[in-house]
Amino acid sequence: MTVALTAVAVVALVNWLLAHWWVLLVLGAIALLTGGGMLHRRRQNARWEAVRAQGLRYELAQLDALHHTRFEDAVRDLMHRDGCQDALRVGGGGDLGADVKATDPYGRRWVIQCKHRRNGLAGSAVGTPDLQVLNGTARQVHGADIAVIVTNGRVTAPAVVFAEQQRLHVVDRHTLESWASGSRPLWQLLRAVPPPRGPTALS
């Protein structure tokens, strides 16, 4: 009985729609407008996200107040702002000295170790042992073209010398301030970075 009633209702609905075909056109137009509106909003949101990423800025006080994992996120986001579309935070237990990895628009692979100090310059200094860990894994394990240590604190003089000897890059508090609060990519702030891997759209 129920099946028969359902069949009768379906037939009646179909006959009504055939007699009032314009209803289907109205419903189709509404669906088309709704779908187009959703697509437009998605595209607009994507454009706004791109603008936001390009305009990303941090003040040192903001970076100091972050948890160390959020500091790693901030470094990742800055690399993404600079055009490293694959920038990824990989820090955590067993990260083997890599907290952020990224490939820049010139094809160079970046491996970054982050050392966050909640007390900024008053916190413990980044020393040679920290650079030794990076030096031991960045190229051999992670395949880095450019190995960097980033800190919102200070770096000891012996660590700076060791970094220069081993072709490592140090982003200290001063360089971090320039990078985070400006719009220049990190490779324009560092000295002696390797040349692009090959011809690119930016070269």
Protein backbone atom coordinates (compact mmCIF):
# COMPACT_ATOMS: atom_id res chain seq x y z
CA MET A 1 0.00 0.00 0.00
CA THR A 2 2.78 2.37 0.96
CA VAL A 3 4.71 1.63 -2.25
CA ALA A 4 1.61 2.28 -4.33
CA LEU A 5 0.96 5.60 -2.60
CA THR A 6 4.58 6.60 -3.12
CA ALA A 7 4.36 5.75 -6.81
CA VAL A 8 1.16 7.76 -7.17
CA ALA A 9 2.77 10.74 -5.41
CA VAL A 10 5.83 10.58 -7.67
CA VAL A 11 3.68 10.42 -10.81
CA ALA A 12 1.59 13.35 -9.58
CA LEU A 13 4.74 15.37 -8.86
CA VAL A 14 6.20 14.62 -12.28
CA ASN A 15 2.94 15.58 -14.01
CA TRP A 16 2.78 18.81 -12.02
CA LEU A 17 6.39 19.67 -12.90
CA LEU A 18 5.70 18.96 -16.57
CA ALA A 19 2.77 21.31 -16.42
CA HIS A 20 4.77 23.92 -14.52
CA TRP A 21 8.18 23.46 -16.21
CA TRP A 22 9.20 27.01 -15.39
CA VAL A 23 9.57 25.95 -11.73
CA LEU A 24 12.50 23.75 -12.74
CA LEU A 25 14.10 26.69 -14.52
CA VAL A 26 13.72 28.87 -11.42
CA LEU A 27 15.17 26.19 -9.14
CA GLY A 28 18.06 25.63 -11.57
CA ALA A 29 18.78 29.35 -11.70
CA ILE A 30 18.75 29.56 -7.90
CA ALA A 31 21.13 26.60 -7.63
CA LEU A 32 23.42 28.14 -10.26
CA LEU A 33 23.48 31.51 -8.49
CA THR A 34 24.09 29.86 -5.11
CA GLY A 35 26.95 27.75 -6.47
CA GLY A 36 28.46 30.73 -8.28
CA GLY A 37 28.24 32.83 -5.13
CA MET A 38 30.00 30.15 -3.08
CA LEU A 39 32.73 29.82 -5.71
CA HIS A 40 33.17 33.60 -5.79
CA ARG A 41 33.49 33.73 -1.99
CA ARG A 42 36.07 30.94 -2.03
CA ARG A 43 38.14 32.74 -4.66
CA GLN A 44 37.86 36.02 -2.80
CA ASN A 45 38.92 34.35 0.46
CA ALA A 46 41.89 32.80 -1.32
CA ARG A 47 42.91 36.20 -2.69
CA TRP A 48 42.60 37.80 0.73
CA GLU A 49 44.66 34.98 2.24
CA ALA A 50 47.39 35.58 -0.34
CA VAL A 51 47.40 39.30 0.46
CA ARG A 52 47.50 38.55 4.18
CA ALA A 53 50.41 36.16 3.75
CA GLN A 54 52.38 38.65 1.66
CA GLY A 55 51.79 41.35 4.26
CA LEU A 56 52.69 39.16 7.24
CA ARG A 57 54.60 41.07 9.90
CA TYR A 58 55.77 40.29 13.42
CA GLU A 59 57.18 42.56 16.09
CA LEU A 60 59.88 41.18 18.38
CA ALA A 61 57.57 41.49 21.40
CA GLN A 62 55.07 39.24 19.63
CA LEU A 63 57.73 36.64 18.86
CA ASP A 64 59.10 36.74 22.41
CA ALA A 65 55.65 35.97 23.82
CA LEU A 66 55.14 32.86 21.69
CA HIS A 67 55.47 29.26 22.84
CA HIS A 68 58.45 27.66 21.15
CA THR A 69 56.24 25.61 18.81
CA ARG A 70 54.33 28.73 17.80
CA PHE A 71 57.68 30.41 17.15
CA GLU A 72 58.44 27.61 14.72
CA ASP A 73 55.05 28.22 13.10
CA ALA A 74 55.91 31.92 12.76
CA VAL A 75 59.21 31.08 11.04
CA ARG A 76 57.39 28.71 8.70
CA ASP A 77 54.82 31.41 7.89
CA LEU A 78 57.56 33.94 7.14
CA MET A 79 59.20 31.52 4.73
CA HIS A 80 55.81 30.98 3.11
CA ARG A 81 55.38 34.77 2.85
CA ASP A 82 58.72 34.91 1.04
CA GLY A 83 57.48 32.50 -1.63
CA CYS A 84 58.37 29.08 -0.21
CA GLN A 85 55.11 27.35 -1.04
CA ASP A 86 56.10 24.06 0.61
CA ALA A 87 57.29 25.58 3.91
CA LEU A 88 56.60 23.06 6.65
CA ARG A 89 57.14 22.90 10.39
CA VAL A 90 58.71 19.55 11.25
CA GLY A 91 60.07 20.31 14.73
CA GLY A 92 59.39 17.95 17.60
CA GLY A 93 60.82 14.87 19.18
CA GLY A 94 63.39 13.26 16.91
CA ASP A 95 63.49 16.13 14.45
CA LEU A 96 67.27 15.73 14.07
CA GLY A 97 67.96 19.43 14.18
CA ALA A 98 65.30 20.57 11.71
CA ASP A 99 62.30 22.60 12.84
CA VAL A 100 61.29 24.11 9.49
CA LYS A 101 61.97 22.96 5.94
CA ALA A 102 61.26 24.94 2.80
CA THR A 103 62.20 25.28 -0.85
CA ASP A 104 62.63 28.85 -2.05
CA PRO A 105 61.53 30.12 -5.50
CA TYR A 106 65.09 29.54 -6.74
CA GLY A 107 64.97 25.83 -5.98
CA ARG A 108 67.20 25.97 -2.90
CA ARG A 109 66.34 23.71 0.02
CA TRP A 110 66.30 25.43 3.42
CA VAL A 111 66.63 23.63 6.73
CA ILE A 112 66.02 25.83 9.75
CA GLN A 113 66.56 25.17 13.42
CA CYS A 114 64.65 27.50 15.76
CA LYS A 115 65.86 28.54 19.21
CA HIS A 116 63.20 30.51 21.01
CA ARG A 117 64.06 32.45 24.16
CA ARG A 118 61.07 33.77 26.10
CA ASN A 119 63.34 36.35 27.76
CA GLY A 120 64.86 37.46 24.45
CA LEU A 121 68.38 38.81 24.91
CA ALA A 122 68.22 37.98 28.62
CA GLY A 123 67.72 34.30 27.84
CA SER A 124 70.47 31.74 27.41
CA ALA A 125 72.67 32.32 24.38
CA VAL A 126 72.73 30.03 21.37
CA GLY A 127 76.13 28.39 21.49
CA THR A 128 78.44 26.27 19.37
CA PRO A 129 76.79 22.96 20.43
CA ASP A 130 73.51 24.14 18.88
CA LEU A 131 75.31 24.90 15.62
CA GLN A 132 77.09 21.55 15.74
CA VAL A 133 73.76 19.71 15.79
CA LEU A 134 72.57 21.67 12.76
CA ASN A 135 75.87 21.14 10.97
CA GLY A 136 75.73 17.41 11.57
CA THR A 137 72.27 16.84 10.11
CA ALA A 138 71.15 19.71 7.88
CA ARG A 139 72.97 18.64 4.73
CA GLN A 140 73.65 14.96 5.35
CA VAL A 141 70.23 14.02 6.72
CA HIS A 142 67.86 16.71 5.42
CA GLY A 143 69.54 17.59 2.12
CA ALA A 144 69.88 21.31 2.86
CA ASP A 145 71.37 23.77 0.43
CA ILE A 146 71.08 26.45 3.11
CA ALA A 147 71.24 25.60 6.82
CA VAL A 148 70.03 28.29 9.22
CA ILE A 149 69.59 28.74 12.94
CA VAL A 150 67.02 31.35 13.95
CA THR A 151 66.75 32.83 17.42
CA ASN A 152 65.02 35.74 19.08
CA GLY A 153 67.88 35.80 21.56
CA ARG A 154 71.63 36.18 21.35
CA VAL A 155 74.39 34.08 19.84
CA THR A 156 77.84 33.57 21.34
CA ALA A 157 80.88 34.82 19.43
CA PRO A 158 82.39 31.32 19.13
CA ALA A 159 79.10 30.09 17.64
CA VAL A 160 79.21 32.86 15.02
CA VAL A 161 82.78 31.90 14.10
CA PHE A 162 81.84 28.22 13.88
CA ALA A 163 78.88 29.07 11.66
CA GLU A 164 81.09 31.00 9.25
CA GLN A 165 83.61 28.16 9.13
CA GLN A 166 80.92 25.56 8.38
CA ARG A 167 78.88 27.67 5.93
CA LEU A 168 75.93 27.88 8.32
CA HIS A 169 73.74 30.95 8.61
CA VAL A 170 72.77 32.63 11.86
CA VAL A 171 69.64 34.74 12.17
CA ASP A 172 70.10 36.56 15.46
CA ARG A 173 67.65 38.90 17.12
CA HIS A 174 68.66 41.88 15.01
CA THR A 175 68.33 40.02 11.69
CA LEU A 176 65.10 38.41 12.86
CA GLU A 177 63.65 41.84 13.57
CA SER A 178 64.46 43.01 10.04
CA TRP A 179 63.06 39.86 8.48
CA ALA A 180 59.89 39.58 10.55
CA SER A 181 58.89 43.24 10.45
CA GLY A 182 59.74 43.88 6.81
CA SER A 183 58.95 42.43 3.43
CA ARG A 184 62.39 41.35 2.25
CA PRO A 185 62.93 37.60 1.95
CA LEU A 186 65.47 36.03 4.25
CA TRP A 187 67.94 35.28 1.45
CA GLN A 188 68.31 39.00 0.82
CA LEU A 189 69.32 39.55 4.45
CA LEU A 190 71.94 36.80 4.63
CA ARG A 191 75.42 36.84 3.16
CA ALA A 192 76.95 34.22 0.90
CA VAL A 193 73.84 32.17 0.18
CA PRO A 194 74.29 29.62 -2.62
CA PRO A 195 73.22 30.67 -6.12
CA PRO A 196 69.92 29.45 -7.57
CA ARG A 197 69.87 25.78 -8.56
CA GLY A 198 68.94 26.71 -12.10
CA PRO A 199 66.96 29.18 -14.22
CA THR A 200 63.70 30.16 -12.55
CA ALA A 201 60.84 32.55 -13.16
CA LEU A 202 62.53 34.95 -10.75
CA SER A 203 66.00 34.83 -12.27
